[in-house]
Amino acid sequence: MFGLIYDTHELDKPQKRVISVHKSRKTAENALEERMRRLGKTVEECDTRIVWFKRKVQRGDAVINHDFSTWKPGEKIPYGELHPDCD
């Protein structure tokens, strides 16, 4: 299952709070867009990211790095995510 987590990218704070849980990446993307609109912030400013959970979680749970990954196993990763825009 996909979801949104609150992630400030601080190494000394490994636990991330689950903001929401979704059955598809598309509904997670919609939720992220709604969150950005509601907060009036960009994706970087609202410290939120979409992840694939490796275990069952609920909104409000705390997860750590081994509980999630950026991509669902077998999911097609967009070309731009695999190759940088610069040389």
N, C-alpha and C. Protein backbone atom coordinates (compact mmCIF):
# COMPACT_ATOMS: atom_id res chain seq x y z
N MET A 1 0.83 -1.17 0.00
CA MET A 1 0.00 0.00 0.00
C MET A 1 0.88 1.24 0.00
N PHE A 2 0.41 2.27 -0.65
CA PHE A 2 1.12 3.54 -0.74
C PHE A 2 0.68 4.45 0.39
N GLY A 3 1.46 5.47 0.63
CA GLY A 3 1.06 6.43 1.64
C GLY A 3 1.94 7.66 1.63
N LEU A 4 1.52 8.62 2.42
CA LEU A 4 2.30 9.84 2.62
C LEU A 4 2.93 9.78 4.00
N ILE A 5 4.19 10.18 4.07
CA ILE A 5 4.87 10.28 5.36
C ILE A 5 5.41 11.69 5.52
N TYR A 6 5.54 12.11 6.76
CA TYR A 6 6.16 13.38 7.09
C TYR A 6 7.64 13.10 7.26
N ASP A 7 8.48 13.69 6.40
CA ASP A 7 9.91 13.38 6.40
C ASP A 7 10.72 14.67 6.29
N THR A 8 11.37 15.05 7.38
CA THR A 8 12.20 16.26 7.38
C THR A 8 13.64 15.96 6.95
N HIS A 9 13.95 14.70 6.65
CA HIS A 9 15.28 14.27 6.20
C HIS A 9 16.36 14.54 7.23
N GLU A 10 15.99 14.49 8.51
CA GLU A 10 16.96 14.66 9.58
C GLU A 10 17.41 13.27 10.03
N LEU A 11 18.70 12.98 9.88
CA LEU A 11 19.22 11.66 10.20
C LEU A 11 19.07 11.28 11.67
N ASP A 12 19.03 12.28 12.55
CA ASP A 12 18.89 11.98 13.97
C ASP A 12 17.43 11.73 14.37
N LYS A 13 16.50 11.80 13.40
CA LYS A 13 15.08 11.52 13.64
C LYS A 13 14.61 10.46 12.64
N PRO A 14 14.95 9.19 12.91
CA PRO A 14 14.64 8.13 11.94
C PRO A 14 13.15 7.78 11.83
N GLN A 15 12.36 8.08 12.85
CA GLN A 15 10.94 7.75 12.79
C GLN A 15 10.19 8.79 11.98
N LYS A 16 9.34 8.29 11.07
CA LYS A 16 8.53 9.15 10.22
C LYS A 16 7.06 8.88 10.53
N ARG A 17 6.25 9.94 10.59
CA ARG A 17 4.83 9.79 10.89
C ARG A 17 4.05 9.54 9.60
N VAL A 18 3.15 8.55 9.64
CA VAL A 18 2.29 8.25 8.50
C VAL A 18 1.15 9.27 8.48
N ILE A 19 1.05 10.02 7.39
CA ILE A 19 0.02 11.04 7.25
C ILE A 19 -1.26 10.42 6.69
N SER A 20 -1.11 9.53 5.69
CA SER A 20 -2.27 8.89 5.09
C SER A 20 -1.84 7.61 4.38
N VAL A 21 -2.81 6.73 4.12
CA VAL A 21 -2.57 5.45 3.48
C VAL A 21 -3.50 5.35 2.26
N HIS A 22 -2.96 4.80 1.14
CA HIS A 22 -3.71 4.75 -0.11
C HIS A 22 -3.47 3.43 -0.85
N LYS A 23 -4.46 3.01 -1.63
CA LYS A 23 -4.36 1.76 -2.38
C LYS A 23 -3.54 1.91 -3.66
N SER A 24 -3.39 3.13 -4.18
CA SER A 24 -2.64 3.33 -5.41
C SER A 24 -1.75 4.56 -5.30
N ARG A 25 -0.73 4.60 -6.16
CA ARG A 25 0.15 5.77 -6.20
C ARG A 25 -0.65 7.00 -6.65
N LYS A 26 -1.60 6.80 -7.55
CA LYS A 26 -2.40 7.92 -8.05
C LYS A 26 -3.18 8.59 -6.93
N THR A 27 -3.84 7.82 -6.06
CA THR A 27 -4.59 8.43 -4.96
C THR A 27 -3.64 9.08 -3.95
N ALA A 28 -2.44 8.52 -3.79
CA ALA A 28 -1.44 9.15 -2.92
C ALA A 28 -0.97 10.47 -3.52
N GLU A 29 -0.78 10.50 -4.85
CA GLU A 29 -0.39 11.75 -5.52
C GLU A 29 -1.48 12.80 -5.36
N ASN A 30 -2.74 12.39 -5.50
CA ASN A 30 -3.85 13.33 -5.31
C ASN A 30 -3.86 13.88 -3.89
N ALA A 31 -3.62 13.02 -2.91
CA ALA A 31 -3.59 13.45 -1.51
C ALA A 31 -2.44 14.42 -1.26
N LEU A 32 -1.28 14.16 -1.88
CA LEU A 32 -0.14 15.05 -1.74
C LEU A 32 -0.44 16.43 -2.36
N GLU A 33 -1.05 16.43 -3.53
CA GLU A 33 -1.43 17.70 -4.17
C GLU A 33 -2.41 18.48 -3.29
N GLU A 34 -3.37 17.78 -2.70
CA GLU A 34 -4.34 18.43 -1.82
C GLU A 34 -3.65 19.00 -0.58
N ARG A 35 -2.71 18.24 -0.03
CA ARG A 35 -1.97 18.70 1.16
C ARG A 35 -1.17 19.96 0.83
N MET A 36 -0.49 19.96 -0.33
CA MET A 36 0.30 21.13 -0.73
C MET A 36 -0.61 22.34 -0.92
N ARG A 37 -1.76 22.13 -1.54
CA ARG A 37 -2.70 23.22 -1.76
C ARG A 37 -3.22 23.78 -0.44
N ARG A 38 -3.60 22.86 0.46
CA ARG A 38 -4.14 23.27 1.77
C ARG A 38 -3.11 24.04 2.59
N LEU A 39 -1.84 23.61 2.54
CA LEU A 39 -0.77 24.26 3.30
C LEU A 39 -0.20 25.47 2.57
N GLY A 40 -0.48 25.58 1.27
CA GLY A 40 0.07 26.68 0.48
C GLY A 40 1.58 26.56 0.33
N LYS A 41 2.07 25.32 0.22
CA LYS A 41 3.51 25.07 0.15
C LYS A 41 3.85 24.14 -1.01
N THR A 42 5.13 24.13 -1.40
CA THR A 42 5.61 23.19 -2.39
C THR A 42 5.84 21.84 -1.71
N VAL A 43 6.10 20.81 -2.50
CA VAL A 43 6.34 19.49 -1.92
C VAL A 43 7.55 19.51 -0.99
N GLU A 44 8.59 20.24 -1.35
CA GLU A 44 9.77 20.32 -0.48
C GLU A 44 9.47 21.05 0.82
N GLU A 45 8.65 22.08 0.74
CA GLU A 45 8.34 22.88 1.93
C GLU A 45 7.43 22.15 2.91
N CYS A 46 6.60 21.24 2.42
CA CYS A 46 5.69 20.56 3.35
C CYS A 46 6.28 19.25 3.89
N ASP A 47 7.54 18.94 3.53
CA ASP A 47 8.26 17.77 4.07
C ASP A 47 7.42 16.49 4.01
N THR A 48 6.80 16.27 2.88
CA THR A 48 5.93 15.10 2.70
C THR A 48 6.40 14.33 1.48
N ARG A 49 6.38 13.00 1.57
CA ARG A 49 6.74 12.19 0.41
C ARG A 49 5.86 10.96 0.31
N ILE A 50 5.75 10.47 -0.92
CA ILE A 50 4.98 9.26 -1.19
C ILE A 50 5.91 8.08 -1.09
N VAL A 51 5.46 7.03 -0.38
CA VAL A 51 6.26 5.82 -0.23
C VAL A 51 5.37 4.58 -0.38
N TRP A 52 6.02 3.42 -0.55
CA TRP A 52 5.37 2.12 -0.56
C TRP A 52 5.69 1.46 0.79
N PHE A 53 4.65 1.11 1.54
CA PHE A 53 4.86 0.48 2.84
C PHE A 53 5.08 -1.02 2.69
N LYS A 54 6.07 -1.55 3.38
CA LYS A 54 6.40 -2.96 3.32
C LYS A 54 5.63 -3.77 4.36
N ARG A 55 4.88 -3.08 5.23
CA ARG A 55 4.06 -3.74 6.24
C ARG A 55 2.76 -2.96 6.38
N LYS A 56 1.80 -3.54 7.04
CA LYS A 56 0.52 -2.87 7.24
C LYS A 56 0.70 -1.72 8.23
N VAL A 57 0.22 -0.54 7.84
CA VAL A 57 0.30 0.63 8.69
C VAL A 57 -1.03 1.37 8.67
N GLN A 58 -1.18 2.27 9.62
CA GLN A 58 -2.36 3.11 9.69
C GLN A 58 -1.91 4.56 9.85
N ARG A 59 -2.82 5.46 9.53
CA ARG A 59 -2.55 6.89 9.72
C ARG A 59 -2.13 7.13 11.17
N GLY A 60 -1.08 7.91 11.36
CA GLY A 60 -0.59 8.21 12.70
C GLY A 60 0.51 7.29 13.20
N ASP A 61 0.70 6.13 12.56
CA ASP A 61 1.78 5.22 12.95
C ASP A 61 3.14 5.87 12.71
N ALA A 62 4.14 5.37 13.40
CA ALA A 62 5.52 5.78 13.17
C ALA A 62 6.21 4.65 12.40
N VAL A 63 6.95 5.01 11.36
CA VAL A 63 7.68 4.02 10.57
C VAL A 63 9.15 4.45 10.50
N ILE A 64 10.01 3.47 10.22
CA ILE A 64 11.43 3.76 10.01
C ILE A 64 11.81 3.26 8.62
N ASN A 65 13.01 3.55 8.19
CA ASN A 65 13.44 3.28 6.80
C ASN A 65 13.16 1.87 6.31
N HIS A 66 13.34 0.85 7.14
CA HIS A 66 13.12 -0.51 6.63
C HIS A 66 11.63 -0.86 6.48
N ASP A 67 10.74 0.01 6.92
CA ASP A 67 9.29 -0.21 6.78
C ASP A 67 8.73 0.27 5.45
N PHE A 68 9.52 1.02 4.69
CA PHE A 68 9.00 1.59 3.44
C PHE A 68 10.11 1.74 2.41
N SER A 69 9.70 1.94 1.15
CA SER A 69 10.63 2.25 0.07
C SER A 69 9.97 3.28 -0.84
N THR A 70 10.77 3.89 -1.70
CA THR A 70 10.23 4.92 -2.59
C THR A 70 9.34 4.31 -3.66
N TRP A 71 9.67 3.11 -4.10
CA TRP A 71 8.91 2.47 -5.18
C TRP A 71 8.37 1.11 -4.75
N LYS A 72 7.19 0.77 -5.24
CA LYS A 72 6.58 -0.54 -5.02
C LYS A 72 7.40 -1.58 -5.79
N PRO A 73 7.62 -2.76 -5.23
CA PRO A 73 8.36 -3.79 -5.96
C PRO A 73 7.69 -4.05 -7.32
N GLY A 74 8.48 -4.02 -8.38
CA GLY A 74 7.97 -4.26 -9.72
C GLY A 74 7.37 -3.03 -10.40
N GLU A 75 7.26 -1.92 -9.68
CA GLU A 75 6.69 -0.70 -10.25
C GLU A 75 7.66 -0.11 -11.27
N LYS A 76 7.11 0.38 -12.39
CA LYS A 76 7.94 1.02 -13.40
C LYS A 76 8.40 2.38 -12.87
N ILE A 77 9.69 2.56 -12.78
CA ILE A 77 10.27 3.81 -12.26
C ILE A 77 10.45 4.77 -13.44
N PRO A 78 9.93 5.99 -13.33
CA PRO A 78 10.07 6.95 -14.43
C PRO A 78 11.54 7.19 -14.79
N TYR A 79 11.80 7.36 -16.08
CA TYR A 79 13.16 7.57 -16.59
C TYR A 79 13.88 8.69 -15.84
N GLY A 80 13.20 9.80 -15.60
CA GLY A 80 13.80 10.95 -14.93
C GLY A 80 14.26 10.66 -13.51
N GLU A 81 13.67 9.65 -12.87
CA GLU A 81 14.07 9.28 -11.51
C GLU A 81 15.35 8.45 -11.52
N LEU A 82 15.65 7.80 -12.65
CA LEU A 82 16.83 6.94 -12.74
C LEU A 82 18.04 7.66 -13.31
N HIS A 83 17.81 8.74 -14.07
CA HIS A 83 18.90 9.43 -14.76
C HIS A 83 18.83 10.92 -14.44
N PRO A 84 19.94 11.49 -13.99
CA PRO A 84 19.94 12.93 -13.66
C PRO A 84 19.77 13.79 -14.91
N ASP A 85 19.29 15.01 -14.71
CA ASP A 85 19.09 15.95 -15.81
C ASP A 85 20.40 16.55 -16.32
N CYS A 86 21.46 16.50 -15.51
CA CYS A 86 22.73 17.10 -15.90
C CYS A 86 23.74 16.03 -16.28
N ASP A 87 24.89 16.47 -16.75
CA ASP A 87 25.96 15.53 -17.18
C ASP A 87 26.54 14.80 -16.04
